[in-house]
Amino acid sequence: MIERPVLMSTRNLVGGYDDELVLDDVSMEVNCGEVLVIVGRSGCGKSTLMNHLLGLLKPWKGFVEYRGEDIWESPERLVQARKKWGVLFQSGALLGSYTAIENVMLPLHEFTTLNSDEKRITALHKLDIVGLADFAHYYPLELSGGMQKRAGLARAMALDPEVLFFDEPSAGLDPVTSHALDELMLSINKNLGTTLVVVTHELDSIFAIGDRVIMLDSEEKGIIAMGSPKQLSDLHDDPRVEAFFGRKAVSNIS
């Protein structure tokens, strides 16, 4: 396996929502240029971990670091770090009253000083990367589910992020469209060198795109397995891991 420098990490992270503890003493790393997949059963803390990495949830204890610096050290540091990340939400989260290109231009309006022509050229280039240049002036309702995901991805790429986060990218897609999205994600990773952090439960996607997998468990409130998809599928003797990758019923798992 290629040795890669650490880009992001959590150290002894403790967090959750209100009074509900979800993650307890979680330490993990995201390496430069890899595709890291976060998996686990429903309610295990996948989205919670991603929200901590994105700076949307502040840790109760511990640290979230980007390029070796605590993102919560100051408001300015958090804002600067967030400019380096892009997010594709489960639904695509496009604004229905804006065309595809207008959706992609939104981050450019907020975070850049580009003029109107430069913003439009940049947005059109991102749409071209995801195969939607010919649909730039379509509204979300005029696009298929897969095309909406691609438009959302183009918007996530608007600021040339170092890290792209994906929350269940295959949700609601048929197998053919899901496979095409996997191929697009791999192309972005390989051709642009963008680091990908992907939350998913789709086994096909995990094996298609994942360099490394982290598996969370709700009872442990943390990581129970880490490795390549093949390692976790073939070599792991934890029944919870076997159940996930083999989709087997395990009597002692609630």
C-alpha atoms as a PDB file:
ATOM      1  CA  MET A   1       0.000   0.000   0.000  1.00  0.00           C
ATOM      2  CA  ILE A   2       1.275   3.467  -0.926  1.00  0.00           C
ATOM      3  CA  GLU A   3       2.512   5.525   2.014  1.00  0.00           C
ATOM      4  CA  ARG A   4       0.717   8.859   1.999  1.00  0.00           C
ATOM      5  CA  PRO A   5       1.099  11.882   4.297  1.00  0.00           C
ATOM      6  CA  VAL A   6      -1.731  12.616   6.707  1.00  0.00           C
ATOM      7  CA  LEU A   7      -4.104  15.352   5.553  1.00  0.00           C
ATOM      8  CA  MET A   8      -6.809  15.237   8.241  1.00  0.00           C
ATOM      9  CA  SER A   9      -7.182  13.423  11.540  1.00  0.00           C
ATOM     10  CA  THR A  10      -9.151  13.097  14.736  1.00  0.00           C
ATOM     11  CA  ARG A  11      -7.394  12.570  18.044  1.00  0.00           C
ATOM     12  CA  ASN A  12      -9.298  11.104  20.988  1.00  0.00           C
ATOM     13  CA  LEU A  13     -12.516  12.534  19.577  1.00  0.00           C
ATOM     14  CA  VAL A  14     -15.552  12.420  21.840  1.00  0.00           C
ATOM     15  CA  GLY A  15     -18.811  13.787  20.463  1.00  0.00           C
ATOM     16  CA  GLY A  16     -22.468  13.440  19.680  1.00  0.00           C
ATOM     17  CA  TYR A  17     -25.731  15.369  19.797  1.00  0.00           C
ATOM     18  CA  ASP A  18     -27.206  17.088  22.868  1.00  0.00           C
ATOM     19  CA  ASP A  19     -26.732  14.498  25.634  1.00  0.00           C
ATOM     20  CA  GLU A  20     -26.333  11.486  23.336  1.00  0.00           C
ATOM     21  CA  LEU A  21     -22.775  10.157  23.135  1.00  0.00           C
ATOM     22  CA  VAL A  22     -22.129   8.784  19.629  1.00  0.00           C
ATOM     23  CA  LEU A  23     -18.344   8.655  19.313  1.00  0.00           C
ATOM     24  CA  ASP A  24     -16.010   7.932  22.209  1.00  0.00           C
ATOM     25  CA  ASP A  25     -12.231   8.353  21.974  1.00  0.00           C
ATOM     26  CA  VAL A  26     -12.008   8.010  18.191  1.00  0.00           C
ATOM     27  CA  SER A  27      -8.613   8.530  16.562  1.00  0.00           C
ATOM     28  CA  MET A  28      -8.318   8.176  12.788  1.00  0.00           C
ATOM     29  CA  GLU A  29      -6.522   9.650   9.794  1.00  0.00           C
ATOM     30  CA  VAL A  30      -7.363  10.726   6.272  1.00  0.00           C
ATOM     31  CA  ASN A  31      -4.321  10.467   4.029  1.00  0.00           C
ATOM     32  CA  CYS A  32      -3.522  12.696   1.073  1.00  0.00           C
ATOM     33  CA  GLY A  33      -4.901  11.417  -2.206  1.00  0.00           C
ATOM     34  CA  GLU A  34      -6.688   8.354  -0.853  1.00  0.00           C
ATOM     35  CA  VAL A  35     -10.300   7.252  -1.048  1.00  0.00           C
ATOM     36  CA  LEU A  36     -11.331   6.606   2.551  1.00  0.00           C
ATOM     37  CA  VAL A  37     -14.680   4.873   3.027  1.00  0.00           C
ATOM     38  CA  ILE A  38     -16.555   5.048   6.337  1.00  0.00           C
ATOM     39  CA  VAL A  39     -18.961   2.153   6.874  1.00  0.00           C
ATOM     40  CA  GLY A  40     -21.102   0.549   9.552  1.00  0.00           C
ATOM     41  CA  ARG A  41     -24.652  -0.314  10.489  1.00  0.00           C
ATOM     42  CA  SER A  42     -27.319   2.398  10.791  1.00  0.00           C
ATOM     43  CA  GLY A  43     -26.804   4.554  13.874  1.00  0.00           C
ATOM     44  CA  CYS A  44     -23.124   3.711  14.279  1.00  0.00           C
ATOM     45  CA  GLY A  45     -21.916   7.308  13.874  1.00  0.00           C
ATOM     46  CA  LYS A  46     -20.835   7.499  10.216  1.00  0.00           C
ATOM     47  CA  SER A  47     -22.508  10.846   9.523  1.00  0.00           C
ATOM     48  CA  THR A  48     -21.544  12.102  12.975  1.00  0.00           C
ATOM     49  CA  LEU A  49     -17.888  11.427  12.247  1.00  0.00           C
ATOM     50  CA  MET A  50     -18.158  13.136   8.877  1.00  0.00           C
ATOM     51  CA  ASN A  51     -19.848  16.157  10.460  1.00  0.00           C
ATOM     52  CA  HIS A  52     -16.992  16.414  12.950  1.00  0.00           C
ATOM     53  CA  LEU A  53     -14.445  16.221  10.131  1.00  0.00           C
ATOM     54  CA  LEU A  54     -16.344  18.970   8.292  1.00  0.00           C
ATOM     55  CA  GLY A  55     -16.374  21.234  11.329  1.00  0.00           C
ATOM     56  CA  LEU A  56     -20.174  21.124  11.549  1.00  0.00           C
ATOM     57  CA  LEU A  57     -20.030  19.542  15.011  1.00  0.00           C
ATOM     58  CA  LYS A  58     -17.607  20.676  17.685  1.00  0.00           C
ATOM     59  CA  PRO A  59     -15.993  17.850  19.666  1.00  0.00           C
ATOM     60  CA  TRP A  60     -16.946  17.475  23.301  1.00  0.00           C
ATOM     61  CA  LYS A  61     -13.344  16.407  23.839  1.00  0.00           C
ATOM     62  CA  GLY A  62     -10.379  15.746  21.604  1.00  0.00           C
ATOM     63  CA  PHE A  63      -9.283  17.325  18.355  1.00  0.00           C
ATOM     64  CA  VAL A  64     -10.043  17.492  14.647  1.00  0.00           C
ATOM     65  CA  GLU A  65      -6.939  18.495  12.727  1.00  0.00           C
ATOM     66  CA  TYR A  66      -6.378  19.603   9.149  1.00  0.00           C
ATOM     67  CA  ARG A  67      -2.779  19.674   7.947  1.00  0.00           C
ATOM     68  CA  GLY A  68      -1.679  19.277  11.556  1.00  0.00           C
ATOM     69  CA  GLU A  69      -3.675  22.203  12.955  1.00  0.00           C
ATOM     70  CA  ASP A  70      -6.749  22.089  15.201  1.00  0.00           C
ATOM     71  CA  ILE A  71      -9.624  23.432  13.101  1.00  0.00           C
ATOM     72  CA  TRP A  72     -11.397  24.680  16.234  1.00  0.00           C
ATOM     73  CA  GLU A  73      -8.445  26.724  17.518  1.00  0.00           C
ATOM     74  CA  SER A  74     -10.057  29.880  16.126  1.00  0.00           C
ATOM     75  CA  PRO A  75     -13.070  30.844  13.973  1.00  0.00           C
ATOM     76  CA  GLU A  76     -10.707  32.070  11.264  1.00  0.00           C
ATOM     77  CA  ARG A  77      -8.915  28.723  11.076  1.00  0.00           C
ATOM     78  CA  LEU A  78     -12.213  26.870  10.753  1.00  0.00           C
ATOM     79  CA  VAL A  79     -13.368  29.157   7.931  1.00  0.00           C
ATOM     80  CA  GLN A  80     -10.072  28.791   6.068  1.00  0.00           C
ATOM     81  CA  ALA A  81     -10.129  25.008   6.423  1.00  0.00           C
ATOM     82  CA  ARG A  82     -13.699  24.739   5.156  1.00  0.00           C
ATOM     83  CA  LYS A  83     -12.704  26.512   1.949  1.00  0.00           C
ATOM     84  CA  LYS A  84     -10.498  23.503   1.191  1.00  0.00           C
ATOM     85  CA  TRP A  85     -13.385  21.020   1.381  1.00  0.00           C
ATOM     86  CA  GLY A  86     -16.346  20.206  -0.825  1.00  0.00           C
ATOM     87  CA  VAL A  87     -19.422  18.175   0.105  1.00  0.00           C
ATOM     88  CA  LEU A  88     -21.888  16.168  -1.960  1.00  0.00           C
ATOM     89  CA  PHE A  89     -24.961  15.630   0.182  1.00  0.00           C
ATOM     90  CA  GLN A  90     -27.243  12.621  -0.200  1.00  0.00           C
ATOM     91  CA  SER A  91     -29.918  14.527  -2.113  1.00  0.00           C
ATOM     92  CA  GLY A  92     -27.551  16.682  -4.135  1.00  0.00           C
ATOM     93  CA  ALA A  93     -29.041  19.675  -2.266  1.00  0.00           C
ATOM     94  CA  LEU A  94     -29.473  21.796  -5.391  1.00  0.00           C
ATOM     95  CA  LEU A  95     -31.555  24.966  -5.220  1.00  0.00           C
ATOM     96  CA  GLY A  96     -34.598  24.338  -7.412  1.00  0.00           C
ATOM     97  CA  SER A  97     -34.994  27.913  -8.603  1.00  0.00           C
ATOM     98  CA  TYR A  98     -31.412  28.028  -9.933  1.00  0.00           C
ATOM     99  CA  THR A  99     -30.078  26.355 -13.072  1.00  0.00           C
ATOM    100  CA  ALA A 100     -27.226  23.857 -12.829  1.00  0.00           C
ATOM    101  CA  ILE A 101     -24.611  26.465 -13.680  1.00  0.00           C
ATOM    102  CA  GLU A 102     -26.130  28.957 -11.249  1.00  0.00           C
ATOM    103  CA  ASN A 103     -25.960  26.325  -8.500  1.00  0.00           C
ATOM    104  CA  VAL A 104     -22.294  25.708  -9.249  1.00  0.00           C
ATOM    105  CA  MET A 105     -21.589  29.439  -9.197  1.00  0.00           C
ATOM    106  CA  LEU A 106     -22.948  29.878  -5.654  1.00  0.00           C
ATOM    107  CA  PRO A 107     -19.659  29.094  -3.847  1.00  0.00           C
ATOM    108  CA  LEU A 108     -17.828  31.314  -6.324  1.00  0.00           C
ATOM    109  CA  HIS A 109     -20.099  34.240  -5.428  1.00  0.00           C
ATOM    110  CA  GLU A 110     -19.504  33.710  -1.712  1.00  0.00           C
ATOM    111  CA  PHE A 111     -15.807  32.883  -1.532  1.00  0.00           C
ATOM    112  CA  THR A 112     -14.060  34.420  -4.570  1.00  0.00           C
ATOM    113  CA  THR A 113     -13.501  37.808  -6.165  1.00  0.00           C
ATOM    114  CA  LEU A 114     -13.850  36.494  -9.720  1.00  0.00           C
ATOM    115  CA  ASN A 115     -15.860  38.624 -12.126  1.00  0.00           C
ATOM    116  CA  SER A 116     -19.079  37.328 -13.676  1.00  0.00           C
ATOM    117  CA  ASP A 117     -17.453  35.930 -16.804  1.00  0.00           C
ATOM    118  CA  GLU A 118     -14.736  34.180 -14.801  1.00  0.00           C
ATOM    119  CA  LYS A 119     -17.323  32.609 -12.494  1.00  0.00           C
ATOM    120  CA  ARG A 120     -19.354  31.361 -15.437  1.00  0.00           C
ATOM    121  CA  ILE A 121     -16.283  29.905 -17.182  1.00  0.00           C
ATOM    122  CA  THR A 122     -15.174  28.200 -13.965  1.00  0.00           C
ATOM    123  CA  ALA A 123     -18.635  26.766 -13.298  1.00  0.00           C
ATOM    124  CA  LEU A 124     -18.964  25.519 -16.870  1.00  0.00           C
ATOM    125  CA  HIS A 125     -15.575  23.789 -16.564  1.00  0.00           C
ATOM    126  CA  LYS A 126     -16.739  21.968 -13.413  1.00  0.00           C
ATOM    127  CA  LEU A 127     -19.926  20.892 -15.178  1.00  0.00           C
ATOM    128  CA  ASP A 128     -17.820  19.642 -18.066  1.00  0.00           C
ATOM    129  CA  ILE A 129     -15.738  17.513 -15.677  1.00  0.00           C
ATOM    130  CA  VAL A 130     -18.894  15.745 -14.485  1.00  0.00           C
ATOM    131  CA  GLY A 131     -20.341  15.432 -17.997  1.00  0.00           C
ATOM    132  CA  LEU A 132     -23.045  18.092 -17.712  1.00  0.00           C
ATOM    133  CA  ALA A 133     -21.735  20.954 -19.845  1.00  0.00           C
ATOM    134  CA  ASP A 134     -24.657  20.532 -22.239  1.00  0.00           C
ATOM    135  CA  PHE A 135     -27.124  20.775 -19.348  1.00  0.00           C
ATOM    136  CA  ALA A 136     -25.758  23.942 -17.745  1.00  0.00           C
ATOM    137  CA  HIS A 137     -29.031  25.843 -18.143  1.00  0.00           C
ATOM    138  CA  TYR A 138     -31.338  23.066 -16.996  1.00  0.00           C
ATOM    139  CA  TYR A 139     -33.151  23.350 -13.683  1.00  0.00           C
ATOM    140  CA  PRO A 140     -32.848  20.514 -11.122  1.00  0.00           C
ATOM    141  CA  LEU A 141     -36.353  19.195 -11.861  1.00  0.00           C
ATOM    142  CA  GLU A 142     -35.324  18.825 -15.510  1.00  0.00           C
ATOM    143  CA  LEU A 143     -32.407  16.574 -14.549  1.00  0.00           C
ATOM    144  CA  SER A 144     -32.453  12.883 -13.646  1.00  0.00           C
ATOM    145  CA  GLY A 145     -31.433  11.764 -10.174  1.00  0.00           C
ATOM    146  CA  GLY A 146     -27.954  10.839 -11.351  1.00  0.00           C
ATOM    147  CA  MET A 147     -27.546  14.145 -13.160  1.00  0.00           C
ATOM    148  CA  GLN A 148     -28.611  16.008 -10.021  1.00  0.00           C
ATOM    149  CA  LYS A 149     -25.876  14.186  -8.102  1.00  0.00           C
ATOM    150  CA  ARG A 150     -23.360  15.165 -10.793  1.00  0.00           C
ATOM    151  CA  ALA A 151     -24.465  18.807 -10.659  1.00  0.00           C
ATOM    152  CA  GLY A 152     -24.114  18.720  -6.874  1.00  0.00           C
ATOM    153  CA  LEU A 153     -20.635  17.276  -7.314  1.00  0.00           C
ATOM    154  CA  ALA A 154     -19.718  20.048  -9.761  1.00  0.00           C
ATOM    155  CA  ARG A 155     -20.801  22.605  -7.135  1.00  0.00           C
ATOM    156  CA  ALA A 156     -18.755  20.784  -4.478  1.00  0.00           C
ATOM    157  CA  MET A 157     -15.732  21.090  -6.781  1.00  0.00           C
ATOM    158  CA  ALA A 158     -16.238  24.794  -7.512  1.00  0.00           C
ATOM    159  CA  LEU A 159     -13.431  25.982  -5.237  1.00  0.00           C
ATOM    160  CA  ASP A 160     -10.976  23.214  -6.241  1.00  0.00           C
ATOM    161  CA  PRO A 161     -11.136  21.474  -2.847  1.00  0.00           C
ATOM    162  CA  GLU A 162      -8.368  19.277  -1.499  1.00  0.00           C
ATOM    163  CA  VAL A 163     -10.969  16.972   0.056  1.00  0.00           C
ATOM    164  CA  LEU A 164     -14.379  15.931  -1.243  1.00  0.00           C
ATOM    165  CA  PHE A 165     -16.880  14.418   1.195  1.00  0.00           C
ATOM    166  CA  PHE A 166     -19.702  12.175  -0.014  1.00  0.00           C
ATOM    167  CA  ASP A 167     -22.710  11.249   2.124  1.00  0.00           C
ATOM    168  CA  GLU A 168     -24.291   8.068   0.692  1.00  0.00           C
ATOM    169  CA  PRO A 169     -23.643   9.146  -2.925  1.00  0.00           C
ATOM    170  CA  SER A 170     -25.448   6.117  -4.393  1.00  0.00           C
ATOM    171  CA  ALA A 171     -28.659   6.663  -2.421  1.00  0.00           C
ATOM    172  CA  GLY A 172     -31.677   6.594  -4.733  1.00  0.00           C
ATOM    173  CA  LEU A 173     -29.707   5.614  -7.818  1.00  0.00           C
ATOM    174  CA  ASP A 174     -30.109   2.514  -9.959  1.00  0.00           C
ATOM    175  CA  PRO A 175     -27.071   0.175 -10.221  1.00  0.00           C
ATOM    176  CA  VAL A 176     -25.962   1.454 -13.631  1.00  0.00           C
ATOM    177  CA  THR A 177     -26.094   5.115 -12.570  1.00  0.00           C
ATOM    178  CA  SER A 178     -24.427   4.263  -9.269  1.00  0.00           C
ATOM    179  CA  HIS A 179     -21.572   2.539 -11.101  1.00  0.00           C
ATOM    180  CA  ALA A 180     -21.145   5.552 -13.376  1.00  0.00           C
ATOM    181  CA  LEU A 181     -20.932   7.823 -10.328  1.00  0.00           C
ATOM    182  CA  ASP A 182     -18.286   5.538  -8.799  1.00  0.00           C
ATOM    183  CA  GLU A 183     -16.272   5.808 -12.014  1.00  0.00           C
ATOM    184  CA  LEU A 184     -16.565   9.596 -11.946  1.00  0.00           C
ATOM    185  CA  MET A 185     -15.409   9.741  -8.325  1.00  0.00           C
ATOM    186  CA  LEU A 186     -12.409   7.547  -9.150  1.00  0.00           C
ATOM    187  CA  SER A 187     -11.567   9.750 -12.133  1.00  0.00           C
ATOM    188  CA  ILE A 188     -11.588  12.861  -9.929  1.00  0.00           C
ATOM    189  CA  ASN A 189      -9.391  11.115  -7.373  1.00  0.00           C
ATOM    190  CA  LYS A 190      -6.875   9.799  -9.891  1.00  0.00           C
ATOM    191  CA  ASN A 191      -6.773  12.669 -12.385  1.00  0.00           C
ATOM    192  CA  LEU A 192      -7.070  15.626 -10.009  1.00  0.00           C
ATOM    193  CA  GLY A 193      -5.447  14.068  -6.946  1.00  0.00           C
ATOM    194  CA  THR A 194      -8.437  14.977  -4.796  1.00  0.00           C
ATOM    195  CA  THR A 195      -8.796  13.137  -1.497  1.00  0.00           C
ATOM    196  CA  LEU A 196     -12.212  11.496  -1.080  1.00  0.00           C
ATOM    197  CA  VAL A 197     -14.024  10.659   2.166  1.00  0.00           C
ATOM    198  CA  VAL A 198     -17.118   8.566   1.443  1.00  0.00           C
ATOM    199  CA  VAL A 199     -19.891   7.430   3.775  1.00  0.00           C
ATOM    200  CA  THR A 200     -21.721   4.493   2.210  1.00  0.00           C
ATOM    201  CA  HIS A 201     -23.206   1.070   2.884  1.00  0.00           C
ATOM    202  CA  GLU A 202     -23.056  -0.130  -0.738  1.00  0.00           C
ATOM    203  CA  LEU A 203     -20.658  -3.085  -0.974  1.00  0.00           C
ATOM    204  CA  ASP A 204     -20.137  -2.683  -4.718  1.00  0.00           C
ATOM    205  CA  SER A 205     -19.060   0.928  -4.257  1.00  0.00           C
ATOM    206  CA  ILE A 206     -16.818   0.086  -1.307  1.00  0.00           C
ATOM    207  CA  PHE A 207     -14.855  -2.422  -3.386  1.00  0.00           C
ATOM    208  CA  ALA A 208     -14.925  -0.274  -6.533  1.00  0.00           C
ATOM    209  CA  ILE A 209     -13.514   2.922  -5.069  1.00  0.00           C
ATOM    210  CA  GLY A 210     -12.117   2.322  -1.579  1.00  0.00           C
ATOM    211  CA  ASP A 211      -8.387   2.416  -0.843  1.00  0.00           C
ATOM    212  CA  ARG A 212      -9.055   2.074   2.873  1.00  0.00           C
ATOM    213  CA  VAL A 213     -12.123   1.392   4.989  1.00  0.00           C
ATOM    214  CA  ILE A 214     -12.985   2.405   8.539  1.00  0.00           C
ATOM    215  CA  MET A 215     -15.834   0.493  10.160  1.00  0.00           C
ATOM    216  CA  LEU A 216     -17.732   1.987  13.101  1.00  0.00           C
ATOM    217  CA  ASP A 217     -19.937   0.218  15.623  1.00  0.00           C
ATOM    218  CA  SER A 218     -22.711   1.728  17.747  1.00  0.00           C
ATOM    219  CA  GLU A 219     -21.971  -0.372  20.830  1.00  0.00           C
ATOM    220  CA  GLU A 220     -18.249   0.386  20.757  1.00  0.00           C
ATOM    221  CA  LYS A 221     -18.987   4.012  19.824  1.00  0.00           C
ATOM    222  CA  GLY A 222     -15.924   3.938  17.661  1.00  0.00           C
ATOM    223  CA  ILE A 223     -13.785   2.068  15.167  1.00  0.00           C
ATOM    224  CA  ILE A 224     -13.810  -1.729  15.223  1.00  0.00           C
ATOM    225  CA  ALA A 225     -11.918  -2.402  11.980  1.00  0.00           C
ATOM    226  CA  MET A 226      -9.635  -0.620   9.546  1.00  0.00           C
ATOM    227  CA  GLY A 227      -7.953  -1.753   6.335  1.00  0.00           C
ATOM    228  CA  SER A 228      -8.469  -2.277   2.635  1.00  0.00           C
ATOM    229  CA  PRO A 229     -11.858  -3.618   1.497  1.00  0.00           C
ATOM    230  CA  LYS A 230     -10.260  -6.996   0.766  1.00  0.00           C
ATOM    231  CA  GLN A 231      -8.623  -7.162   4.188  1.00  0.00           C
ATOM    232  CA  LEU A 232     -11.886  -6.481   5.974  1.00  0.00           C
ATOM    233  CA  SER A 233     -13.808  -8.857   3.759  1.00  0.00           C
ATOM    234  CA  ASP A 234     -11.372 -11.799   3.713  1.00  0.00           C
ATOM    235  CA  LEU A 235      -9.139 -11.597   6.723  1.00  0.00           C
ATOM    236  CA  HIS A 236     -11.161 -10.164   9.597  1.00  0.00           C
ATOM    237  CA  ASP A 237     -12.507 -12.469  12.320  1.00  0.00           C
ATOM    238  CA  ASP A 238     -14.832 -10.004  14.048  1.00  0.00           C
ATOM    239  CA  PRO A 239     -18.394 -11.310  13.515  1.00  0.00           C
ATOM    240  CA  ARG A 240     -19.717  -7.765  13.126  1.00  0.00           C
ATOM    241  CA  VAL A 241     -17.296  -7.117  10.281  1.00  0.00           C
ATOM    242  CA  GLU A 242     -18.083 -10.484   8.715  1.00  0.00           C
ATOM    243  CA  ALA A 243     -21.797  -9.733   8.995  1.00  0.00           C
ATOM    244  CA  PHE A 244     -21.421  -6.401   7.218  1.00  0.00           C
ATOM    245  CA  PHE A 245     -19.236  -7.591   4.372  1.00  0.00           C
ATOM    246  CA  GLY A 246     -21.008 -10.914   4.022  1.00  0.00           C
ATOM    247  CA  ARG A 247     -24.458  -9.535   4.832  1.00  0.00           C
ATOM    248  CA  LYS A 248     -24.858 -12.445   7.238  1.00  0.00           C
ATOM    249  CA  ALA A 249     -27.198 -12.544  10.198  1.00  0.00           C
ATOM    250  CA  VAL A 250     -25.362 -12.580  13.502  1.00  0.00           C
ATOM    251  CA  SER A 251     -27.458 -13.491  16.493  1.00  0.00           C
ATOM    252  CA  ASN A 252     -25.592 -11.417  19.034  1.00  0.00           C
ATOM    253  CA  ILE A 253     -25.749  -8.177  17.049  1.00  0.00           C
ATOM    254  CA  SER A 254     -28.741  -5.997  17.830  1.00  0.00           C
END
